[in-house]
Amino acid sequence: MKEIVILHLYGDTLDLYGDFFNVTCITSRLDQLGIPCRVIAANLGEPFDPMAADLIYLGHGKARNLAAVAGHFLPFGGRMREAVEADKLVLCTGSSRLLFGQSFQTFDGREQPGIGLFDYTAIETGQVFTGDVVAKAAFDPDLTTYGFINRTAHLVGKNTHPLFRVIQGPGDGEAPDGLEGTFYHNFFGTWQMGPLLARNPGFLQEILRRLLGPEVPLNYDDALEQKALRLTLGEFKLS
């Protein structure tokens, strides 16, 4: 099989809670499957081409860090929108989702344009908001997931492409509306930060299936990760 190329954007700036481990989860499983993989890091000030990658990943950062990368990311917006519409696989965790909306408010009150792929905007509150999230995934309504949100902003606007239907916990907006994340073509975006794929083996399987195609069997053992998720979900009183 051909080499899989992963483009990791702004890993030195948007990596607040070990988000890089989402990339590690993917590369580790590819290694177990015997599939060659190469990670290209593109940081602030460096050029990149999303169409040259099989998967693009962006992680979580503080409001100040997000504002720092936004101006660099904006000129690549057309190419990034083209990549999403061409079904390139994109995974965004935490605050990096704000880069793909119409605009967001920066830590110092400025309005920063996004690349306009989605209709939402973001309001910066300056106050830290945290919460556990238990949800059903849009790509598999039988899959229950767990994540954690830590943010100082919230999204405004109708969520027409939700990634999760929330069972417990906060959603995208200031008030819970039962929806969280963005799922469009092969774009996966969520406020949930940290090693989301390590916590959710079913989500990782979905990423790998879309990355490799249905003809490639996922012959690896994730029994330990599945048990860990069951134990975590057991801490919540789910109806």
Protein backbone atom coordinates (compact mmCIF):
# COMPACT_ATOMS: atom_id res chain seq x y z
CA MET A 1 0.00 0.00 0.00
CA LYS A 2 1.15 3.56 -0.68
CA GLU A 3 2.66 5.69 2.04
CA ILE A 4 0.15 7.63 4.13
CA VAL A 5 1.02 11.31 4.55
CA ILE A 6 -0.23 13.18 7.62
CA LEU A 7 0.02 16.97 7.73
CA HIS A 8 0.23 18.20 11.33
CA LEU A 9 -0.41 21.95 11.39
CA TYR A 10 0.89 24.25 14.12
CA GLY A 11 1.91 21.43 16.44
CA ASP A 12 4.31 23.78 18.26
CA THR A 13 1.52 26.32 18.91
CA LEU A 14 -1.77 24.41 19.11
CA ASP A 15 -0.92 21.58 21.48
CA LEU A 16 -2.26 22.63 24.85
CA TYR A 17 -3.14 19.28 26.41
CA GLY A 18 -1.14 16.70 24.53
CA ASP A 19 -3.27 16.90 21.40
CA PHE A 20 -0.30 15.63 19.38
CA PHE A 21 -1.11 12.18 20.79
CA ASN A 22 -4.06 11.98 18.41
CA VAL A 23 -1.49 11.83 15.61
CA THR A 24 0.52 9.28 17.60
CA CYS A 25 -2.58 7.06 17.92
CA ILE A 26 -2.99 7.04 14.15
CA THR A 27 0.67 6.45 13.31
CA SER A 28 0.96 3.68 15.93
CA ARG A 29 -1.97 1.77 14.46
CA LEU A 30 -0.64 2.23 10.92
CA ASP A 31 2.67 0.81 12.08
CA GLN A 32 0.89 -2.19 13.60
CA LEU A 33 -0.92 -2.72 10.30
CA GLY A 34 2.38 -2.57 8.39
CA ILE A 35 1.36 0.54 6.44
CA PRO A 36 4.08 3.13 5.81
CA CYS A 37 3.37 6.59 7.17
CA ARG A 38 5.05 9.99 7.14
CA VAL A 39 4.15 13.01 9.29
CA ILE A 40 4.85 16.46 7.84
CA ALA A 41 4.96 19.25 10.41
CA ALA A 42 4.05 22.74 9.23
CA ASN A 43 4.38 25.43 11.89
CA LEU A 44 3.81 29.16 12.05
CA GLY A 45 5.39 30.89 9.06
CA GLU A 46 5.91 27.71 7.04
CA PRO A 47 4.05 26.91 3.78
CA PHE A 48 1.89 23.82 3.39
CA ASP A 49 -0.37 22.17 0.81
CA PRO A 50 -3.37 20.31 2.26
CA MET A 51 -4.03 18.61 -1.08
CA ALA A 52 -0.67 16.84 -0.79
CA ALA A 53 -1.69 15.05 2.43
CA ASP A 54 -4.00 12.15 3.16
CA LEU A 55 -4.95 13.54 6.58
CA ILE A 56 -4.66 17.05 8.05
CA TYR A 57 -4.64 17.51 11.82
CA LEU A 58 -4.94 20.64 13.98
CA GLY A 59 -5.06 20.67 17.77
CA HIS A 60 -6.07 22.83 20.69
CA GLY A 61 -4.44 26.08 21.81
CA LYS A 62 -4.99 29.05 24.08
CA ALA A 63 -6.85 32.03 22.63
CA ARG A 64 -3.59 33.97 22.23
CA ASN A 65 -1.98 31.10 20.33
CA LEU A 66 -4.99 30.69 18.05
CA ALA A 67 -4.89 34.39 17.18
CA ALA A 68 -1.19 34.03 16.34
CA VAL A 69 -1.75 31.28 13.75
CA ALA A 70 -5.00 32.68 12.28
CA GLY A 71 -3.31 35.25 10.06
CA HIS A 72 -0.95 32.62 8.68
CA PHE A 73 -3.75 30.11 8.10
CA LEU A 74 -6.11 32.50 6.31
CA PRO A 75 -4.19 32.71 2.97
CA PHE A 76 -4.37 28.91 2.75
CA GLY A 77 -8.14 28.99 3.21
CA GLY A 78 -9.03 28.46 -0.43
CA ARG A 79 -6.80 25.43 -0.70
CA MET A 80 -8.13 24.06 2.59
CA ARG A 81 -11.75 24.46 1.49
CA GLU A 82 -10.84 22.70 -1.76
CA ALA A 83 -9.32 19.84 0.21
CA VAL A 84 -12.43 19.39 2.38
CA GLU A 85 -14.76 19.45 -0.63
CA ALA A 86 -12.49 16.87 -2.29
CA ASP A 87 -13.05 14.57 0.72
CA LYS A 88 -9.60 14.95 2.21
CA LEU A 89 -9.60 13.70 5.80
CA VAL A 90 -9.38 16.54 8.34
CA LEU A 91 -9.41 16.24 12.13
CA CYS A 92 -9.59 19.35 14.35
CA THR A 93 -9.74 19.27 18.12
CA GLY A 94 -10.31 22.10 20.57
CA SER A 95 -10.03 25.72 19.51
CA SER A 96 -8.67 25.02 16.02
CA ARG A 97 -12.29 24.64 14.84
CA LEU A 98 -12.62 28.42 15.04
CA LEU A 99 -10.27 28.81 12.08
CA PHE A 100 -12.83 27.15 9.78
CA GLY A 101 -15.82 29.38 10.61
CA GLN A 102 -16.75 32.86 9.40
CA SER A 103 -14.90 34.70 12.16
CA PHE A 104 -13.95 34.58 15.81
CA GLN A 105 -13.26 37.06 18.55
CA THR A 106 -9.64 37.11 19.68
CA PHE A 107 -8.38 37.30 23.27
CA ASP A 108 -7.95 41.09 22.92
CA GLY A 109 -11.42 41.72 21.47
CA ARG A 110 -10.55 41.91 17.76
CA GLU A 111 -12.61 40.15 15.11
CA GLN A 112 -10.46 37.67 13.21
CA PRO A 113 -11.82 36.24 9.95
CA GLY A 114 -11.85 32.49 9.47
CA ILE A 115 -11.67 30.69 6.15
CA GLY A 116 -15.49 30.61 5.87
CA LEU A 117 -15.97 26.89 5.35
CA PHE A 118 -18.78 26.84 7.94
CA ASP A 119 -21.36 29.41 9.01
CA TYR A 120 -20.55 29.63 12.70
CA THR A 121 -18.75 32.45 14.48
CA ALA A 122 -17.16 32.37 17.93
CA ILE A 123 -17.45 34.69 20.91
CA GLU A 124 -14.50 34.95 23.31
CA THR A 125 -15.58 35.21 26.96
CA GLY A 126 -12.20 35.28 28.68
CA GLN A 127 -13.59 32.84 31.25
CA VAL A 128 -12.52 29.21 31.38
CA PHE A 129 -15.32 26.70 30.88
CA THR A 130 -14.80 22.96 31.39
CA GLY A 131 -17.05 19.92 31.13
CA ASP A 132 -17.22 16.19 30.44
CA VAL A 133 -19.08 15.14 27.30
CA VAL A 134 -20.81 11.83 26.67
CA ALA A 135 -22.29 11.64 23.20
CA LYS A 136 -23.40 9.59 20.22
CA ALA A 137 -21.34 9.95 17.05
CA ALA A 138 -23.10 11.07 13.86
CA PHE A 139 -21.13 8.58 11.74
CA ASP A 140 -22.31 5.71 13.97
CA PRO A 141 -25.36 6.33 16.21
CA ASP A 142 -24.58 3.12 18.09
CA LEU A 143 -21.17 4.46 19.14
CA THR A 144 -21.02 6.22 22.52
CA THR A 145 -18.00 8.46 23.06
CA TYR A 146 -16.37 10.35 25.91
CA GLY A 147 -14.48 13.64 25.75
CA PHE A 148 -13.55 16.71 27.72
CA ILE A 149 -14.02 20.37 26.84
CA ASN A 150 -11.85 23.21 28.15
CA ARG A 151 -12.54 26.51 26.40
CA THR A 152 -12.92 30.25 26.81
CA ALA A 153 -15.13 30.77 23.75
CA HIS A 154 -18.40 29.39 22.41
CA LEU A 155 -19.87 29.10 18.94
CA VAL A 156 -22.79 31.16 17.64
CA GLY A 157 -24.91 30.03 14.72
CA LYS A 158 -26.93 26.99 13.65
CA ASN A 159 -25.03 23.71 13.68
CA THR A 160 -26.15 22.15 10.40
CA HIS A 161 -23.50 19.41 10.38
CA PRO A 162 -23.14 18.14 13.98
CA LEU A 163 -20.54 15.49 14.77
CA PHE A 164 -22.08 14.51 18.11
CA ARG A 165 -25.52 14.34 19.69
CA VAL A 166 -24.79 15.00 23.33
CA ILE A 167 -26.19 12.71 26.01
CA GLN A 168 -24.56 14.56 28.90
CA GLY A 169 -22.44 17.68 29.00
CA PRO A 170 -22.02 20.91 27.07
CA GLY A 171 -22.37 21.46 23.34
CA ASP A 172 -21.01 24.11 21.01
CA GLY A 173 -22.92 27.08 22.29
CA GLU A 174 -23.22 29.05 25.49
CA ALA A 175 -26.32 27.06 26.44
CA PRO A 176 -26.52 23.29 25.81
CA ASP A 177 -28.52 22.42 22.69
CA GLY A 178 -27.65 18.73 22.40
CA LEU A 179 -25.21 19.21 19.52
CA GLU A 180 -21.41 19.37 19.42
CA GLY A 181 -18.78 19.30 16.73
CA THR A 182 -18.81 19.47 12.95
CA PHE A 183 -19.03 16.50 10.56
CA TYR A 184 -18.94 17.35 6.86
CA HIS A 185 -17.59 15.06 4.11
CA ASN A 186 -14.42 13.79 5.81
CA PHE A 187 -14.06 16.80 8.10
CA PHE A 188 -14.25 16.00 11.82
CA GLY A 189 -14.16 18.98 14.18
CA THR A 190 -14.85 19.00 17.91
CA TRP A 191 -14.30 21.19 20.96
CA GLN A 192 -13.17 18.05 22.75
CA MET A 193 -9.45 18.32 23.32
CA GLY A 194 -6.52 16.20 24.43
CA PRO A 195 -6.01 12.61 23.19
CA LEU A 196 -9.58 12.14 21.94
CA LEU A 197 -8.64 9.14 19.78
CA ALA A 198 -6.89 7.40 22.67
CA ARG A 199 -10.10 7.66 24.72
CA ASN A 200 -12.37 6.53 21.87
CA PRO A 201 -11.17 3.46 19.96
CA GLY A 202 -14.30 3.42 17.80
CA PHE A 203 -13.61 6.97 16.66
CA LEU A 204 -10.03 5.98 15.81
CA GLN A 205 -11.34 3.04 13.79
CA GLU A 206 -13.58 5.40 11.80
CA ILE A 207 -10.63 7.66 11.03
CA LEU A 208 -8.54 4.69 9.90
CA ARG A 209 -11.34 3.26 7.74
CA ARG A 210 -11.71 6.57 5.94
CA LEU A 211 -7.96 6.94 5.65
CA LEU A 212 -7.26 3.42 4.32
CA GLY A 213 -10.51 2.43 2.65
CA PRO A 214 -12.94 -0.37 3.57
CA GLU A 215 -10.85 -3.03 1.83
CA VAL A 216 -8.06 -2.78 4.44
CA PRO A 217 -8.86 -4.89 7.53
CA LEU A 218 -8.11 -3.25 10.86
CA ASN A 219 -6.35 -6.24 12.34
CA TYR A 220 -5.09 -4.90 15.64
CA ASP A 221 -6.03 -5.47 19.26
CA ASP A 222 -7.76 -2.56 21.00
CA ALA A 223 -9.40 -4.57 23.80
CA LEU A 224 -7.62 -2.52 26.47
CA GLU A 225 -8.84 0.78 24.99
CA GLN A 226 -12.38 -0.58 24.67
CA LYS A 227 -12.33 -1.66 28.32
CA ALA A 228 -11.02 1.74 29.41
CA LEU A 229 -13.88 3.47 27.59
CA ARG A 230 -16.47 1.17 29.15
CA LEU A 231 -15.07 1.90 32.62
CA THR A 232 -15.10 5.65 31.93
CA LEU A 233 -18.68 5.61 30.66
CA GLY A 234 -19.63 3.57 33.72
CA GLU A 235 -18.85 6.64 35.84
CA PHE A 236 -21.83 8.42 34.30
CA LYS A 237 -25.52 7.70 34.93
CA LEU A 238 -26.73 7.21 31.38
CA SER A 239 -30.41 6.68 30.62
